[in-house]
Amino acid sequence: VSLALLFYMIIFTVYALNTFPPLNIENNVYGFTT
């Protein structure tokens, strides 16, 4: 279960960053940090 969660986070993050349009993180620093 530990490896499954780790693999999910890596795969989903890579997929989302490479598939969906990016946002300007400077406008979402507070939301991202929390």
PDB file of all heavy atoms in Angstrom:
ATOM      1  N   VAL A   1       0.833  -1.205   0.000  1.00  0.00           N
ATOM      2  CA  VAL A   1       0.000   0.000   0.000  1.00  0.00           C
ATOM      3  C   VAL A   1       0.867   1.255   0.000  1.00  0.00           C
ATOM      4  O   VAL A   1       0.496   2.275  -0.606  1.00  0.00           O
ATOM      5  CB  VAL A   1      -0.966   0.000   1.208  1.00  0.00           C
ATOM      6  CG1 VAL A   1      -1.983  -1.110   1.090  1.00  0.00           C
ATOM      7  CG2 VAL A   1      -0.224  -0.101   2.528  1.00  0.00           C
ATOM      8  N   SER A   2       2.031   1.204   0.647  1.00  0.00           N
ATOM      9  CA  SER A   2       2.928   2.357   0.651  1.00  0.00           C
ATOM     10  C   SER A   2       3.457   2.625  -0.753  1.00  0.00           C
ATOM     11  O   SER A   2       3.478   3.774  -1.225  1.00  0.00           O
ATOM     12  CB  SER A   2       4.094   2.115   1.617  1.00  0.00           C
ATOM     13  OG  SER A   2       3.639   1.943   2.939  1.00  0.00           O
ATOM     14  N   LEU A   3       3.880   1.582  -1.442  1.00  0.00           N
ATOM     15  CA  LEU A   3       4.388   1.736  -2.803  1.00  0.00           C
ATOM     16  C   LEU A   3       3.269   2.145  -3.753  1.00  0.00           C
ATOM     17  O   LEU A   3       3.496   2.943  -4.682  1.00  0.00           O
ATOM     18  CB  LEU A   3       5.036   0.433  -3.276  1.00  0.00           C
ATOM     19  CG  LEU A   3       6.353   0.057  -2.590  1.00  0.00           C
ATOM     20  CD1 LEU A   3       6.812  -1.321  -3.040  1.00  0.00           C
ATOM     21  CD2 LEU A   3       7.430   1.099  -2.870  1.00  0.00           C
ATOM     22  N   ALA A   4       2.065   1.614  -3.545  1.00  0.00           N
ATOM     23  CA  ALA A   4       0.938   1.967  -4.405  1.00  0.00           C
ATOM     24  C   ALA A   4       0.636   3.459  -4.316  1.00  0.00           C
ATOM     25  O   ALA A   4       0.399   4.124  -5.346  1.00  0.00           O
ATOM     26  CB  ALA A   4      -0.295   1.153  -4.015  1.00  0.00           C
ATOM     27  N   LEU A   5       0.646   4.011  -3.102  1.00  0.00           N
ATOM     28  CA  LEU A   5       0.400   5.441  -2.938  1.00  0.00           C
ATOM     29  C   LEU A   5       1.516   6.259  -3.583  1.00  0.00           C
ATOM     30  O   LEU A   5       1.254   7.269  -4.258  1.00  0.00           O
ATOM     31  CB  LEU A   5       0.290   5.788  -1.456  1.00  0.00           C
ATOM     32  CG  LEU A   5       0.050   7.273  -1.135  1.00  0.00           C
ATOM     33  CD1 LEU A   5      -1.261   7.748  -1.763  1.00  0.00           C
ATOM     34  CD2 LEU A   5       0.024   7.510   0.371  1.00  0.00           C
ATOM     35  N   LEU A   6       2.755   5.831  -3.405  1.00  0.00           N
ATOM     36  CA  LEU A   6       3.891   6.550  -3.987  1.00  0.00           C
ATOM     37  C   LEU A   6       3.809   6.554  -5.515  1.00  0.00           C
ATOM     38  O   LEU A   6       3.975   7.612  -6.152  1.00  0.00           O
ATOM     39  CB  LEU A   6       5.201   5.901  -3.524  1.00  0.00           C
ATOM     40  CG  LEU A   6       6.497   6.506  -4.095  1.00  0.00           C
ATOM     41  CD1 LEU A   6       6.634   7.966  -3.651  1.00  0.00           C
ATOM     42  CD2 LEU A   6       7.703   5.695  -3.640  1.00  0.00           C
ATOM     43  N   PHE A   7       3.525   5.392  -6.100  1.00  0.00           N
ATOM     44  CA  PHE A   7       3.436   5.300  -7.555  1.00  0.00           C
ATOM     45  C   PHE A   7       2.268   6.135  -8.085  1.00  0.00           C
ATOM     46  O   PHE A   7       2.379   6.782  -9.131  1.00  0.00           O
ATOM     47  CB  PHE A   7       3.280   3.842  -7.990  1.00  0.00           C
ATOM     48  CG  PHE A   7       4.531   3.035  -7.813  1.00  0.00           C
ATOM     49  CD1 PHE A   7       4.465   1.658  -7.614  1.00  0.00           C
ATOM     50  CD2 PHE A   7       5.786   3.630  -7.852  1.00  0.00           C
ATOM     51  CE1 PHE A   7       5.618   0.903  -7.453  1.00  0.00           C
ATOM     52  CE2 PHE A   7       6.939   2.886  -7.694  1.00  0.00           C
ATOM     53  CZ  PHE A   7       6.856   1.519  -7.493  1.00  0.00           C
ATOM     54  N   TYR A   8       1.147   6.123  -7.370  1.00  0.00           N
ATOM     55  CA  TYR A   8      -0.001   6.929  -7.799  1.00  0.00           C
ATOM     56  C   TYR A   8       0.384   8.404  -7.839  1.00  0.00           C
ATOM     57  O   TYR A   8       0.083   9.112  -8.828  1.00  0.00           O
ATOM     58  CB  TYR A   8      -1.189   6.731  -6.867  1.00  0.00           C
ATOM     59  CG  TYR A   8      -2.175   7.876  -6.943  1.00  0.00           C
ATOM     60  CD1 TYR A   8      -3.087   7.956  -7.987  1.00  0.00           C
ATOM     61  CD2 TYR A   8      -2.159   8.894  -5.986  1.00  0.00           C
ATOM     62  CE1 TYR A   8      -3.971   9.028  -8.083  1.00  0.00           C
ATOM     63  CE2 TYR A   8      -3.032   9.959  -6.071  1.00  0.00           C
ATOM     64  CZ  TYR A   8      -3.939  10.031  -7.121  1.00  0.00           C
ATOM     65  OH  TYR A   8      -4.792  11.098  -7.220  1.00  0.00           O
ATOM     66  N   MET A   9       1.009   8.896  -6.770  1.00  0.00           N
ATOM     67  CA  MET A   9       1.352  10.316  -6.706  1.00  0.00           C
ATOM     68  C   MET A   9       2.312  10.702  -7.827  1.00  0.00           C
ATOM     69  O   MET A   9       2.162  11.758  -8.454  1.00  0.00           O
ATOM     70  CB  MET A   9       1.965  10.632  -5.331  1.00  0.00           C
ATOM     71  CG  MET A   9       0.988  10.490  -4.168  1.00  0.00           C
ATOM     72  SD  MET A   9       1.773  10.777  -2.563  1.00  0.00           S
ATOM     73  CE  MET A   9       2.282  12.485  -2.745  1.00  0.00           C
ATOM     74  N   ILE A  10       3.292   9.843  -8.090  1.00  0.00           N
ATOM     75  CA  ILE A  10       4.263  10.148  -9.152  1.00  0.00           C
ATOM     76  C   ILE A  10       3.594  10.121 -10.520  1.00  0.00           C
ATOM     77  O   ILE A  10       3.735  11.071 -11.321  1.00  0.00           O
ATOM     78  CB  ILE A  10       5.436   9.145  -9.104  1.00  0.00           C
ATOM     79  CG1 ILE A  10       6.239   9.325  -7.809  1.00  0.00           C
ATOM     80  CG2 ILE A  10       6.340   9.325 -10.324  1.00  0.00           C
ATOM     81  CD1 ILE A  10       7.325   8.276  -7.618  1.00  0.00           C
ATOM     82  N   ILE A  11       2.855   9.058 -10.803  1.00  0.00           N
ATOM     83  CA  ILE A  11       2.234   8.895 -12.120  1.00  0.00           C
ATOM     84  C   ILE A  11       1.184   9.967 -12.375  1.00  0.00           C
ATOM     85  O   ILE A  11       1.141  10.586 -13.454  1.00  0.00           O
ATOM     86  CB  ILE A  11       1.613   7.489 -12.242  1.00  0.00           C
ATOM     87  CG1 ILE A  11       2.718   6.426 -12.238  1.00  0.00           C
ATOM     88  CG2 ILE A  11       0.774   7.378 -13.518  1.00  0.00           C
ATOM     89  CD1 ILE A  11       2.203   5.001 -12.166  1.00  0.00           C
ATOM     90  N   PHE A  12       0.318  10.233 -11.364  1.00  0.00           N
ATOM     91  CA  PHE A  12      -0.733  11.230 -11.556  1.00  0.00           C
ATOM     92  C   PHE A  12      -0.138  12.618 -11.725  1.00  0.00           C
ATOM     93  O   PHE A  12      -0.623  13.427 -12.538  1.00  0.00           O
ATOM     94  CB  PHE A  12      -1.693  11.208 -10.371  1.00  0.00           C
ATOM     95  CG  PHE A  12      -2.873  12.112 -10.539  1.00  0.00           C
ATOM     96  CD1 PHE A  12      -3.964  11.733 -11.332  1.00  0.00           C
ATOM     97  CD2 PHE A  12      -2.921  13.368  -9.935  1.00  0.00           C
ATOM     98  CE1 PHE A  12      -5.052  12.571 -11.503  1.00  0.00           C
ATOM     99  CE2 PHE A  12      -4.005  14.203 -10.103  1.00  0.00           C
ATOM    100  CZ  PHE A  12      -5.080  13.812 -10.884  1.00  0.00           C
ATOM    101  N   THR A  13       0.925  12.926 -10.949  1.00  0.00           N
ATOM    102  CA  THR A  13       1.563  14.241 -11.051  1.00  0.00           C
ATOM    103  C   THR A  13       2.196  14.431 -12.427  1.00  0.00           C
ATOM    104  O   THR A  13       2.024  15.477 -13.073  1.00  0.00           O
ATOM    105  CB  THR A  13       2.625  14.397  -9.953  1.00  0.00           C
ATOM    106  OG1 THR A  13       1.999  14.286  -8.667  1.00  0.00           O
ATOM    107  CG2 THR A  13       3.303  15.757 -10.046  1.00  0.00           C
ATOM    108  N   VAL A  14       2.947  13.436 -12.889  1.00  0.00           N
ATOM    109  CA  VAL A  14       3.589  13.531 -14.206  1.00  0.00           C
ATOM    110  C   VAL A  14       2.533  13.652 -15.300  1.00  0.00           C
ATOM    111  O   VAL A  14       2.661  14.464 -16.230  1.00  0.00           O
ATOM    112  CB  VAL A  14       4.496  12.303 -14.442  1.00  0.00           C
ATOM    113  CG1 VAL A  14       4.996  12.268 -15.887  1.00  0.00           C
ATOM    114  CG2 VAL A  14       5.667  12.309 -13.463  1.00  0.00           C
ATOM    115  N   TYR A  15       1.472  12.868 -15.199  1.00  0.00           N
ATOM    116  CA  TYR A  15       0.399  12.905 -16.205  1.00  0.00           C
ATOM    117  C   TYR A  15      -0.271  14.274 -16.231  1.00  0.00           C
ATOM    118  O   TYR A  15      -0.504  14.850 -17.303  1.00  0.00           O
ATOM    119  CB  TYR A  15      -0.628  11.821 -15.898  1.00  0.00           C
ATOM    120  CG  TYR A  15      -1.854  11.880 -16.766  1.00  0.00           C
ATOM    121  CD1 TYR A  15      -1.825  11.399 -18.072  1.00  0.00           C
ATOM    122  CD2 TYR A  15      -3.048  12.425 -16.279  1.00  0.00           C
ATOM    123  CE1 TYR A  15      -2.956  11.460 -18.884  1.00  0.00           C
ATOM    124  CE2 TYR A  15      -4.178  12.495 -17.069  1.00  0.00           C
ATOM    125  CZ  TYR A  15      -4.129  12.009 -18.368  1.00  0.00           C
ATOM    126  OH  TYR A  15      -5.256  12.077 -19.160  1.00  0.00           O
ATOM    127  N   ALA A  16      -0.603  14.796 -15.043  1.00  0.00           N
ATOM    128  CA  ALA A  16      -1.306  16.081 -14.981  1.00  0.00           C
ATOM    129  C   ALA A  16      -0.437  17.219 -15.506  1.00  0.00           C
ATOM    130  O   ALA A  16      -0.909  18.089 -16.253  1.00  0.00           O
ATOM    131  CB  ALA A  16      -1.737  16.362 -13.544  1.00  0.00           C
ATOM    132  N   LEU A  17       0.830  17.245 -15.136  1.00  0.00           N
ATOM    133  CA  LEU A  17       1.720  18.326 -15.559  1.00  0.00           C
ATOM    134  C   LEU A  17       1.996  18.291 -17.051  1.00  0.00           C
ATOM    135  O   LEU A  17       2.267  19.331 -17.668  1.00  0.00           O
ATOM    136  CB  LEU A  17       3.039  18.253 -14.781  1.00  0.00           C
ATOM    137  CG  LEU A  17       2.954  18.547 -13.275  1.00  0.00           C
ATOM    138  CD1 LEU A  17       4.315  18.352 -12.602  1.00  0.00           C
ATOM    139  CD2 LEU A  17       2.443  19.961 -13.022  1.00  0.00           C
ATOM    140  N   ASN A  18       1.944  17.117 -17.651  1.00  0.00           N
ATOM    141  CA  ASN A  18       2.240  16.985 -19.078  1.00  0.00           C
ATOM    142  C   ASN A  18       0.996  16.999 -19.952  1.00  0.00           C
ATOM    143  O   ASN A  18       1.116  17.048 -21.189  1.00  0.00           O
ATOM    144  CB  ASN A  18       3.016  15.690 -19.338  1.00  0.00           C
ATOM    145  CG  ASN A  18       4.448  15.779 -18.884  1.00  0.00           C
ATOM    146  OD1 ASN A  18       5.309  16.315 -19.583  1.00  0.00           O
ATOM    147  ND2 ASN A  18       4.717  15.258 -17.689  1.00  0.00           N
ATOM    148  N   THR A  19      -0.184  16.934 -19.351  1.00  0.00           N
ATOM    149  CA  THR A  19      -1.416  16.826 -20.135  1.00  0.00           C
ATOM    150  C   THR A  19      -2.274  18.080 -20.048  1.00  0.00           C
ATOM    151  O   THR A  19      -2.805  18.545 -21.058  1.00  0.00           O
ATOM    152  CB  THR A  19      -2.242  15.615 -19.663  1.00  0.00           C
ATOM    153  OG1 THR A  19      -1.430  14.436 -19.747  1.00  0.00           O
ATOM    154  CG2 THR A  19      -3.486  15.445 -20.517  1.00  0.00           C
ATOM    155  N   PHE A  20      -2.420  18.640 -18.851  1.00  0.00           N
ATOM    156  CA  PHE A  20      -3.346  19.740 -18.659  1.00  0.00           C
ATOM    157  C   PHE A  20      -2.626  21.079 -18.802  1.00  0.00           C
ATOM    158  O   PHE A  20      -1.427  21.191 -18.501  1.00  0.00           O
ATOM    159  CB  PHE A  20      -4.002  19.644 -17.282  1.00  0.00           C
ATOM    160  CG  PHE A  20      -4.661  18.311 -17.030  1.00  0.00           C
ATOM    161  CD1 PHE A  20      -4.487  17.647 -15.814  1.00  0.00           C
ATOM    162  CD2 PHE A  20      -5.464  17.733 -17.996  1.00  0.00           C
ATOM    163  CE1 PHE A  20      -5.094  16.434 -15.593  1.00  0.00           C
ATOM    164  CE2 PHE A  20      -6.088  16.513 -17.771  1.00  0.00           C
ATOM    165  CZ  PHE A  20      -5.893  15.854 -16.575  1.00  0.00           C
ATOM    166  N   PRO A  21      -3.355  22.129 -19.229  1.00  0.00           N
ATOM    167  CA  PRO A  21      -2.755  23.470 -19.401  1.00  0.00           C
ATOM    168  C   PRO A  21      -2.243  24.014 -18.067  1.00  0.00           C
ATOM    169  O   PRO A  21      -2.908  23.890 -17.040  1.00  0.00           O
ATOM    170  CB  PRO A  21      -3.919  24.321 -19.932  1.00  0.00           C
ATOM    171  CG  PRO A  21      -4.895  23.337 -20.482  1.00  0.00           C
ATOM    172  CD  PRO A  21      -4.763  22.102 -19.665  1.00  0.00           C
ATOM    173  N   PRO A  22      -1.050  24.623 -18.064  1.00  0.00           N
ATOM    174  CA  PRO A  22      -0.484  25.145 -16.812  1.00  0.00           C
ATOM    175  C   PRO A  22      -1.155  26.448 -16.376  1.00  0.00           C
ATOM    176  O   PRO A  22      -1.727  27.169 -17.182  1.00  0.00           O
ATOM    177  CB  PRO A  22       0.990  25.370 -17.171  1.00  0.00           C
ATOM    178  CG  PRO A  22       0.972  25.637 -18.641  1.00  0.00           C
ATOM    179  CD  PRO A  22      -0.139  24.802 -19.213  1.00  0.00           C
ATOM    180  N   LEU A  23      -1.062  26.690 -15.056  1.00  0.00           N
ATOM    181  CA  LEU A  23      -1.521  27.951 -14.478  1.00  0.00           C
ATOM    182  C   LEU A  23      -0.310  28.758 -14.024  1.00  0.00           C
ATOM    183  O   LEU A  23       0.778  28.218 -13.814  1.00  0.00           O
ATOM    184  CB  LEU A  23      -2.437  27.684 -13.275  1.00  0.00           C
ATOM    185  CG  LEU A  23      -3.832  27.121 -13.562  1.00  0.00           C
ATOM    186  CD1 LEU A  23      -4.494  26.722 -12.245  1.00  0.00           C
ATOM    187  CD2 LEU A  23      -4.679  28.140 -14.305  1.00  0.00           C
ATOM    188  N   ASN A  24      -0.528  30.055 -13.828  1.00  0.00           N
ATOM    189  CA  ASN A  24       0.539  30.914 -13.328  1.00  0.00           C
ATOM    190  C   ASN A  24       0.633  30.719 -11.821  1.00  0.00           C
ATOM    191  O   ASN A  24      -0.231  31.183 -11.074  1.00  0.00           O
ATOM    192  CB  ASN A  24       0.245  32.379 -13.665  1.00  0.00           C
ATOM    193  CG  ASN A  24       1.417  33.281 -13.281  1.00  0.00           C
ATOM    194  OD1 ASN A  24       2.403  32.826 -12.696  1.00  0.00           O
ATOM    195  ND2 ASN A  24       1.308  34.553 -13.622  1.00  0.00           N
ATOM    196  N   ILE A  25       1.682  30.009 -11.376  1.00  0.00           N
ATOM    197  CA  ILE A  25       1.796  29.668  -9.946  1.00  0.00           C
ATOM    198  C   ILE A  25       1.957  30.896  -9.071  1.00  0.00           C
ATOM    199  O   ILE A  25       1.643  30.869  -7.877  1.00  0.00           O
ATOM    200  CB  ILE A  25       2.972  28.689  -9.727  1.00  0.00           C
ATOM    201  CG1 ILE A  25       2.908  28.112  -8.294  1.00  0.00           C
ATOM    202  CG2 ILE A  25       4.302  29.372  -9.970  1.00  0.00           C
ATOM    203  CD1 ILE A  25       3.912  27.019  -8.032  1.00  0.00           C
ATOM    204  N   GLU A  26       2.443  32.015  -9.672  1.00  0.00           N
ATOM    205  CA  GLU A  26       2.620  33.233  -8.876  1.00  0.00           C
ATOM    206  C   GLU A  26       1.282  33.741  -8.347  1.00  0.00           C
ATOM    207  O   GLU A  26       1.237  34.421  -7.324  1.00  0.00           O
ATOM    208  CB  GLU A  26       3.304  34.310  -9.722  1.00  0.00           C
ATOM    209  CG  GLU A  26       4.746  33.960 -10.090  1.00  0.00           C
ATOM    210  CD  GLU A  26       5.402  35.051 -10.915  1.00  0.00           C
ATOM    211  OE1 GLU A  26       4.712  36.049 -11.215  1.00  0.00           O
ATOM    212  OE2 GLU A  26       6.592  34.897 -11.244  1.00  0.00           O
ATOM    213  N   ASN A  27       0.218  33.417  -9.026  1.00  0.00           N
ATOM    214  CA  ASN A  27      -1.105  33.847  -8.577  1.00  0.00           C
ATOM    215  C   ASN A  27      -1.741  32.868  -7.586  1.00  0.00           C
ATOM    216  O   ASN A  27      -2.815  33.141  -7.044  1.00  0.00           O
ATOM    217  CB  ASN A  27      -2.046  33.996  -9.781  1.00  0.00           C
ATOM    218  CG  ASN A  27      -1.566  35.070 -10.739  1.00  0.00           C
ATOM    219  OD1 ASN A  27      -0.959  36.056 -10.317  1.00  0.00           O
ATOM    220  ND2 ASN A  27      -1.831  34.880 -12.042  1.00  0.00           N
ATOM    221  N   ASN A  28      -1.086  31.716  -7.382  1.00  0.00           N
ATOM    222  CA  ASN A  28      -1.657  30.674  -6.514  1.00  0.00           C
ATOM    223  C   ASN A  28      -0.673  30.200  -5.439  1.00  0.00           C
ATOM    224  O   ASN A  28      -0.742  29.059  -5.001  1.00  0.00           O
ATOM    225  CB  ASN A  28      -2.083  29.463  -7.358  1.00  0.00           C
ATOM    226  CG  ASN A  28      -3.088  29.822  -8.427  1.00  0.00           C
ATOM    227  OD1 ASN A  28      -4.132  30.376  -8.121  1.00  0.00           O
ATOM    228  ND2 ASN A  28      -2.761  29.517  -9.672  1.00  0.00           N
ATOM    229  N   VAL A  29       0.272  31.085  -5.066  1.00  0.00           N
ATOM    230  CA  VAL A  29       1.302  30.673  -4.102  1.00  0.00           C
ATOM    231  C   VAL A  29       0.676  30.262  -2.768  1.00  0.00           C
ATOM    232  O   VAL A  29       1.027  29.226  -2.190  1.00  0.00           O
ATOM    233  CB  VAL A  29       2.326  31.810  -3.888  1.00  0.00           C
ATOM    234  CG1 VAL A  29       3.277  31.461  -2.740  1.00  0.00           C
ATOM    235  CG2 VAL A  29       3.104  32.058  -5.165  1.00  0.00           C
ATOM    236  N   TYR A  30      -0.267  31.086  -2.293  1.00  0.00           N
ATOM    237  CA  TYR A  30      -0.878  30.776  -0.989  1.00  0.00           C
ATOM    238  C   TYR A  30      -1.654  29.470  -1.040  1.00  0.00           C
ATOM    239  O   TYR A  30      -1.508  28.601  -0.176  1.00  0.00           O
ATOM    240  CB  TYR A  30      -1.795  31.919  -0.558  1.00  0.00           C
ATOM    241  CG  TYR A  30      -2.534  31.631   0.727  1.00  0.00           C
ATOM    242  CD1 TYR A  30      -1.882  31.734   1.965  1.00  0.00           C
ATOM    243  CD2 TYR A  30      -3.876  31.244   0.705  1.00  0.00           C
ATOM    244  CE1 TYR A  30      -2.557  31.457   3.144  1.00  0.00           C
ATOM    245  CE2 TYR A  30      -4.546  30.960   1.877  1.00  0.00           C
ATOM    246  CZ  TYR A  30      -3.891  31.068   3.096  1.00  0.00           C
ATOM    247  OH  TYR A  30      -4.552  30.790   4.251  1.00  0.00           O
ATOM    248  N   GLY A  31      -2.469  29.315  -2.089  1.00  0.00           N
ATOM    249  CA  GLY A  31      -3.256  28.090  -2.215  1.00  0.00           C
ATOM    250  C   GLY A  31      -2.370  26.864  -2.384  1.00  0.00           C
ATOM    251  O   GLY A  31      -2.633  25.814  -1.787  1.00  0.00           O
ATOM    252  N   PHE A  32      -1.324  27.006  -3.184  1.00  0.00           N
ATOM    253  CA  PHE A  32      -0.412  25.878  -3.382  1.00  0.00           C
ATOM    254  C   PHE A  32       0.300  25.509  -2.083  1.00  0.00           C
ATOM    255  O   PHE A  32       0.441  24.332  -1.752  1.00  0.00           O
ATOM    256  CB  PHE A  32       0.619  26.216  -4.464  1.00  0.00           C
ATOM    257  CG  PHE A  32       1.683  25.179  -4.636  1.00  0.00           C
ATOM    258  CD1 PHE A  32       1.437  24.028  -5.368  1.00  0.00           C
ATOM    259  CD2 PHE A  32       2.935  25.330  -4.036  1.00  0.00           C
ATOM    260  CE1 PHE A  32       2.416  23.049  -5.519  1.00  0.00           C
ATOM    261  CE2 PHE A  32       3.915  24.359  -4.184  1.00  0.00           C
ATOM    262  CZ  PHE A  32       3.650  23.221  -4.922  1.00  0.00           C
ATOM    263  N   THR A  33       0.754  26.539  -1.345  1.00  0.00           N
ATOM    264  CA  THR A  33       1.495  26.282  -0.098  1.00  0.00           C
ATOM    265  C   THR A  33       0.632  25.556   0.925  1.00  0.00           C
ATOM    266  O   THR A  33       1.061  24.578   1.552  1.00  0.00           O
ATOM    267  CB  THR A  33       2.004  27.607   0.497  1.00  0.00           C
ATOM    268  OG1 THR A  33       2.837  28.272  -0.458  1.00  0.00           O
ATOM    269  CG2 THR A  33       2.799  27.345   1.771  1.00  0.00           C
ATOM    270  N   THR A  34      -0.612  26.016   1.109  1.00  0.00           N
ATOM    271  CA  THR A  34      -1.481  25.376   2.099  1.00  0.00           C
ATOM    272  C   THR A  34      -1.867  23.958   1.663  1.00  0.00           C
ATOM    273  O   THR A  34      -1.860  23.030   2.483  1.00  0.00           O
ATOM    274  CB  THR A  34      -2.753  26.214   2.315  1.00  0.00           C
ATOM    275  OG1 THR A  34      -3.393  26.461   1.041  1.00  0.00           O
ATOM    276  CG2 THR A  34      -2.422  27.553   2.971  1.00  0.00           C
TER     277      THR A  34
END
